[in-house]
N, C-alpha and C. Protein backbone atom coordinates (compact mmCIF):
# COMPACT_ATOMS: atom_id res chain seq x y z
N UNK A 1 121.38 -87.21 98.67
CA UNK A 1 121.18 -86.00 98.55
C UNK A 1 120.62 -85.29 99.95
N UNK A 2 121.13 -84.34 100.52
CA UNK A 2 120.62 -83.98 101.73
C UNK A 2 119.39 -83.13 101.79
N UNK A 3 118.78 -83.26 102.86
CA UNK A 3 117.47 -82.51 102.79
C UNK A 3 117.83 -81.25 103.47
N UNK A 4 117.03 -80.15 103.10
CA UNK A 4 117.25 -78.76 103.68
C UNK A 4 116.15 -78.61 104.79
N UNK A 5 116.50 -78.11 105.87
CA UNK A 5 115.55 -77.96 106.96
C UNK A 5 115.05 -76.46 106.79
N UNK A 6 113.68 -76.49 106.87
CA UNK A 6 113.10 -74.85 106.73
C UNK A 6 112.95 -74.45 107.99
N UNK A 7 114.14 -73.73 108.59
CA UNK A 7 113.83 -73.02 109.69
C UNK A 7 112.88 -71.71 109.50
N UNK A 8 111.86 -71.62 110.54
CA UNK A 8 110.99 -70.39 110.53
C UNK A 8 111.71 -69.35 111.24
N UNK A 9 111.17 -68.25 111.15
CA UNK A 9 111.59 -67.07 111.70
C UNK A 9 111.61 -67.19 113.26
N UNK A 10 110.71 -67.99 113.66
CA UNK A 10 110.39 -68.26 115.11
C UNK A 10 111.58 -69.22 115.64
N UNK A 11 112.04 -70.17 114.98
CA UNK A 11 113.22 -70.86 115.06
C UNK A 11 114.40 -69.97 115.15
N UNK A 12 114.48 -69.15 114.28
CA UNK A 12 115.69 -68.25 114.35
C UNK A 12 115.62 -67.40 115.49
N UNK A 13 114.72 -66.87 115.72
CA UNK A 13 114.55 -65.89 116.95
C UNK A 13 114.84 -66.70 118.20
N UNK A 14 114.34 -67.91 118.42
CA UNK A 14 114.44 -68.40 119.51
C UNK A 14 115.74 -68.98 119.64
N UNK A 15 116.66 -69.26 118.86
CA UNK A 15 117.73 -69.66 118.77
C UNK A 15 118.76 -68.53 119.00
N UNK A 16 118.39 -67.22 118.61
CA UNK A 16 119.21 -65.92 118.97
C UNK A 16 119.20 -65.56 120.32
N UNK A 17 117.82 -65.81 121.11
CA UNK A 17 117.56 -65.61 122.53
C UNK A 17 118.38 -66.69 123.33
N UNK A 18 118.20 -67.80 122.73
CA UNK A 18 118.98 -69.11 123.56
C UNK A 18 120.52 -68.75 123.52
N UNK A 19 121.02 -68.30 122.58
CA UNK A 19 122.44 -68.06 122.39
C UNK A 19 122.77 -66.80 123.48
N UNK A 20 121.90 -65.85 123.41
CA UNK A 20 122.12 -64.84 124.49
C UNK A 20 122.06 -65.03 125.96
N UNK A 21 121.07 -66.26 126.09
CA UNK A 21 121.00 -66.58 127.58
C UNK A 21 122.11 -67.68 127.72
N UNK A 22 122.96 -68.08 126.66
CA UNK A 22 123.96 -69.21 127.12
C UNK A 22 125.20 -68.97 127.81
N UNK A 23 125.08 -67.98 128.62
CA UNK A 23 126.32 -67.69 129.61
C UNK A 23 125.58 -67.25 130.92
N UNK A 24 126.08 -67.89 131.95
CA UNK A 24 125.64 -67.54 133.32
C UNK A 24 125.66 -66.04 133.72
N UNK A 25 126.82 -65.54 133.29
CA UNK A 25 127.03 -63.81 133.47
C UNK A 25 125.85 -63.08 132.68
N UNK A 26 125.41 -63.51 131.70
CA UNK A 26 124.37 -62.63 130.80
C UNK A 26 122.99 -63.02 131.74
N UNK A 27 122.79 -64.11 132.12
CA UNK A 27 121.65 -64.58 132.90
C UNK A 27 121.59 -63.73 134.23
N UNK A 28 122.72 -63.31 134.86
CA UNK A 28 122.78 -62.63 136.09
C UNK A 28 122.56 -61.45 135.65
N UNK A 29 123.23 -60.89 134.67
CA UNK A 29 123.10 -59.41 134.16
C UNK A 29 121.44 -59.13 133.81
N UNK A 30 120.83 -60.06 133.03
CA UNK A 30 119.38 -59.71 133.11
C UNK A 30 118.54 -59.83 134.41
N UNK A 31 119.12 -60.55 135.38
CA UNK A 31 118.41 -60.56 136.63
C UNK A 31 118.64 -59.30 137.57
N UNK A 32 119.94 -58.82 137.32
CA UNK A 32 120.16 -57.35 137.98
C UNK A 32 119.37 -56.25 137.05
N UNK A 33 119.18 -56.19 135.80
CA UNK A 33 118.47 -55.13 135.24
C UNK A 33 116.88 -55.41 135.38
N UNK A 34 116.42 -56.49 135.53
CA UNK A 34 114.95 -56.91 135.96
C UNK A 34 114.54 -56.30 137.25
N UNK A 35 115.66 -56.48 138.16
CA UNK A 35 115.36 -55.93 139.56
C UNK A 35 115.46 -54.59 139.73
N UNK A 36 116.16 -54.06 138.86
CA UNK A 36 116.57 -52.47 139.06
C UNK A 36 115.78 -51.60 138.03
N UNK A 37 115.15 -52.31 137.14
CA UNK A 37 114.43 -51.53 135.97
C UNK A 37 115.62 -50.87 134.98
N UNK A 38 116.45 -50.19 135.43
CA UNK A 38 117.50 -49.70 134.49
C UNK A 38 119.01 -49.48 135.30
N UNK A 39 120.18 -49.60 134.78
CA UNK A 39 121.26 -49.24 135.62
C UNK A 39 122.31 -49.10 134.46
N UNK A 40 123.32 -48.17 135.09
CA UNK A 40 124.56 -47.68 134.40
C UNK A 40 125.49 -48.76 134.22
N UNK A 41 126.26 -48.92 132.99
CA UNK A 41 127.30 -50.05 132.99
C UNK A 41 128.26 -49.84 133.98
N UNK A 42 128.77 -48.57 134.59
CA UNK A 42 129.62 -48.49 135.65
C UNK A 42 129.12 -48.95 136.91
N UNK A 43 127.95 -48.56 137.10
CA UNK A 43 127.35 -49.34 138.38
C UNK A 43 127.28 -51.06 138.23
N UNK A 44 127.03 -51.43 137.27
CA UNK A 44 127.05 -52.79 137.09
C UNK A 44 128.32 -53.44 137.33
N UNK A 45 129.61 -52.67 136.68
CA UNK A 45 130.91 -53.22 136.67
C UNK A 45 131.15 -53.32 138.33
N UNK A 46 130.61 -52.59 139.18
CA UNK A 46 130.90 -52.57 140.70
C UNK A 46 130.22 -53.66 141.25
N UNK A 47 129.15 -54.12 140.77
CA UNK A 47 128.11 -55.08 141.35
C UNK A 47 128.43 -56.44 140.82
N UNK A 48 128.88 -56.66 139.53
CA UNK A 48 129.14 -57.96 139.06
C UNK A 48 130.63 -58.44 138.91
N UNK A 49 131.10 -59.04 139.47
CA UNK A 49 132.49 -59.48 139.76
C UNK A 49 133.20 -60.05 138.37
N UNK A 50 133.40 -59.16 137.36
CA UNK A 50 134.09 -59.67 136.18
C UNK A 50 134.45 -58.37 135.37
N UNK A 51 135.47 -58.39 134.80
CA UNK A 51 136.23 -57.52 134.10
C UNK A 51 135.36 -56.49 133.29
N UNK A 52 135.56 -55.27 133.47
CA UNK A 52 134.65 -54.19 132.71
C UNK A 52 134.34 -54.51 131.28
N UNK A 53 135.71 -55.11 130.52
CA UNK A 53 135.65 -55.40 129.21
C UNK A 53 134.85 -56.69 129.00
N UNK A 54 134.90 -57.60 129.85
CA UNK A 54 134.13 -58.85 129.74
C UNK A 54 132.62 -58.46 129.96
N UNK A 55 132.18 -57.59 130.80
CA UNK A 55 130.90 -57.03 130.99
C UNK A 55 130.47 -56.39 129.83
N UNK A 56 131.35 -55.62 129.12
CA UNK A 56 130.89 -54.93 127.99
C UNK A 56 130.44 -55.93 126.99
N UNK A 57 131.37 -56.97 126.93
CA UNK A 57 130.91 -57.84 125.88
C UNK A 57 129.68 -58.63 125.94
N UNK A 58 129.44 -58.87 127.25
CA UNK A 58 128.24 -59.50 127.49
C UNK A 58 127.01 -58.65 127.01
N UNK A 59 127.04 -57.44 127.65
CA UNK A 59 126.19 -56.35 127.40
C UNK A 59 126.06 -56.28 125.81
N UNK A 60 126.84 -56.58 125.03
CA UNK A 60 126.79 -56.17 123.62
C UNK A 60 125.94 -57.29 122.89
N UNK A 61 126.50 -58.62 123.63
CA UNK A 61 125.68 -59.77 123.01
C UNK A 61 124.08 -59.63 123.33
N UNK A 62 123.68 -59.16 124.84
CA UNK A 62 122.45 -59.17 124.93
C UNK A 62 121.59 -57.91 124.32
N UNK A 63 122.39 -56.86 124.00
CA UNK A 63 121.87 -55.92 123.12
C UNK A 63 121.75 -56.32 121.72
N UNK A 64 122.76 -57.01 121.19
CA UNK A 64 122.36 -57.68 119.84
C UNK A 64 121.29 -58.52 119.59
N UNK A 65 121.01 -59.45 120.74
CA UNK A 65 119.76 -60.35 120.57
C UNK A 65 118.33 -59.53 120.96
N UNK A 66 118.62 -58.24 121.48
CA UNK A 66 117.43 -57.53 121.47
C UNK A 66 116.84 -57.65 122.90
N UNK A 67 117.51 -58.24 123.78
CA UNK A 67 116.77 -58.21 125.11
C UNK A 67 117.10 -57.22 126.19
N UNK A 68 117.91 -56.42 125.90
CA UNK A 68 118.31 -55.30 126.36
C UNK A 68 118.46 -54.00 125.45
N UNK A 69 118.39 -52.63 126.07
CA UNK A 69 118.64 -51.89 125.19
C UNK A 69 119.47 -50.69 125.82
N UNK A 70 120.41 -50.04 125.24
CA UNK A 70 121.24 -49.01 125.94
C UNK A 70 120.91 -47.76 125.44
N UNK A 71 120.98 -46.79 126.40
CA UNK A 71 120.99 -45.30 126.00
C UNK A 71 121.99 -44.62 126.48
N UNK A 72 122.72 -43.87 125.44
CA UNK A 72 124.06 -43.13 125.90
C UNK A 72 123.61 -41.93 126.29
N UNK A 73 124.19 -41.68 127.64
CA UNK A 73 123.96 -40.38 128.48
C UNK A 73 125.42 -40.13 129.02
N UNK A 74 126.26 -39.53 127.98
CA UNK A 74 127.73 -39.22 128.32
C UNK A 74 127.84 -38.85 129.57
N UNK A 75 128.84 -39.55 130.25
CA UNK A 75 129.83 -40.38 129.72
C UNK A 75 129.31 -41.86 130.05
N UNK A 76 128.22 -41.95 130.45
CA UNK A 76 127.60 -43.31 130.88
C UNK A 76 126.88 -44.05 129.66
N UNK A 77 126.44 -45.21 129.80
CA UNK A 77 125.51 -45.77 129.23
C UNK A 77 124.34 -46.44 130.01
N UNK A 78 123.39 -46.17 129.89
CA UNK A 78 122.19 -46.82 130.71
C UNK A 78 121.59 -47.99 130.04
N UNK A 79 121.52 -49.15 130.65
CA UNK A 79 121.10 -50.42 130.29
C UNK A 79 119.69 -50.64 130.85
N UNK A 80 118.61 -51.10 130.11
CA UNK A 80 117.38 -51.64 130.52
C UNK A 80 116.99 -52.69 129.78
N UNK A 81 116.10 -53.69 130.53
CA UNK A 81 115.64 -54.53 129.57
C UNK A 81 114.77 -53.90 128.53
N UNK A 82 114.52 -54.66 127.23
CA UNK A 82 113.70 -54.27 126.30
C UNK A 82 112.53 -55.11 126.38
N UNK A 83 111.63 -54.55 126.91
CA UNK A 83 110.32 -55.16 127.56
C UNK A 83 109.46 -55.93 126.35
N UNK A 84 109.46 -55.29 125.05
CA UNK A 84 108.73 -55.70 123.93
C UNK A 84 109.41 -57.01 123.64
N UNK A 85 110.89 -57.09 123.29
CA UNK A 85 111.46 -58.46 122.98
C UNK A 85 111.50 -59.37 124.21
N UNK A 86 111.63 -58.82 125.40
CA UNK A 86 111.55 -59.61 126.53
C UNK A 86 110.18 -60.66 126.57
N UNK A 87 109.14 -59.78 126.23
CA UNK A 87 107.98 -60.73 126.18
C UNK A 87 107.88 -61.48 125.08
N UNK A 88 108.42 -61.11 124.03
CA UNK A 88 108.46 -62.25 122.88
C UNK A 88 109.30 -63.22 123.12
N UNK A 89 110.36 -63.13 123.89
CA UNK A 89 111.27 -64.41 124.18
C UNK A 89 110.52 -65.18 125.13
N UNK A 90 109.88 -64.72 126.10
CA UNK A 90 109.24 -65.51 126.93
C UNK A 90 108.03 -66.15 126.35
N UNK A 91 107.31 -65.50 125.55
CA UNK A 91 106.37 -66.41 124.61
C UNK A 91 106.79 -67.51 123.83
N UNK A 92 107.93 -67.23 123.13
CA UNK A 92 108.61 -68.25 122.30
C UNK A 92 109.10 -69.38 123.13
N UNK A 93 109.82 -69.26 124.27
CA UNK A 93 110.30 -70.13 125.27
C UNK A 93 109.26 -71.20 125.66
N UNK A 94 108.17 -70.41 126.21
CA UNK A 94 106.96 -71.03 126.71
C UNK A 94 106.47 -71.96 125.84
N UNK A 95 106.08 -71.27 124.67
CA UNK A 95 105.40 -72.40 123.53
C UNK A 95 106.37 -73.37 123.34
N UNK A 96 107.58 -73.01 123.17
CA UNK A 96 108.57 -74.23 122.82
C UNK A 96 108.74 -75.35 123.64
N UNK A 97 108.68 -75.12 125.01
CA UNK A 97 108.86 -76.11 126.01
C UNK A 97 107.27 -76.81 126.20
N UNK A 98 106.33 -75.96 125.99
CA UNK A 98 105.06 -76.57 126.04
C UNK A 98 104.84 -77.62 125.16
N UNK A 99 105.40 -77.53 123.72
CA UNK A 99 105.36 -78.41 122.81
C UNK A 99 106.03 -79.47 122.83
N UNK A 100 107.34 -79.36 123.55
CA UNK A 100 108.36 -80.24 123.70
C UNK A 100 107.89 -81.34 124.68
N UNK A 101 106.99 -80.86 125.81
CA UNK A 101 106.70 -81.76 127.14
C UNK A 101 106.35 -83.24 126.58
N UNK A 102 105.94 -83.46 125.31
CA UNK A 102 105.39 -84.83 124.97
C UNK A 102 106.49 -85.67 124.59
N UNK A 103 107.78 -85.28 124.35
CA UNK A 103 108.80 -86.01 123.85
C UNK A 103 110.07 -86.27 125.08
N UNK A 104 109.87 -85.71 126.24
CA UNK A 104 110.50 -86.07 127.48
C UNK A 104 110.66 -87.30 127.90
N UNK A 105 111.90 -88.02 127.92
CA UNK A 105 112.08 -89.16 128.53
C UNK A 105 111.80 -89.31 130.06
N UNK A 106 111.18 -90.27 130.44
CA UNK A 106 111.18 -90.40 131.83
C UNK A 106 111.81 -91.58 132.51
């Protein structure tokens, strides 16, 4: 008989943030947004050397994870870091790695 793992909401949220950060383009997008406070998608398309459709997909993933928010200002969309969720993600990752430091092989 298989045992069920009881994943907590913290486990699920940490995994959601980790998945969103699982591509270097998304990490770079977050860096750009963190340094500029907010940015329009068209401006990012000029700064980040990937296709607009690819950029759009990465923005969608970051938004789904709650790490960024988008505000429609026709005909553009303005993206910013979602500071509330960003702070939650930082705390979750810090606590996770702090607790994992005991099991790292040397």
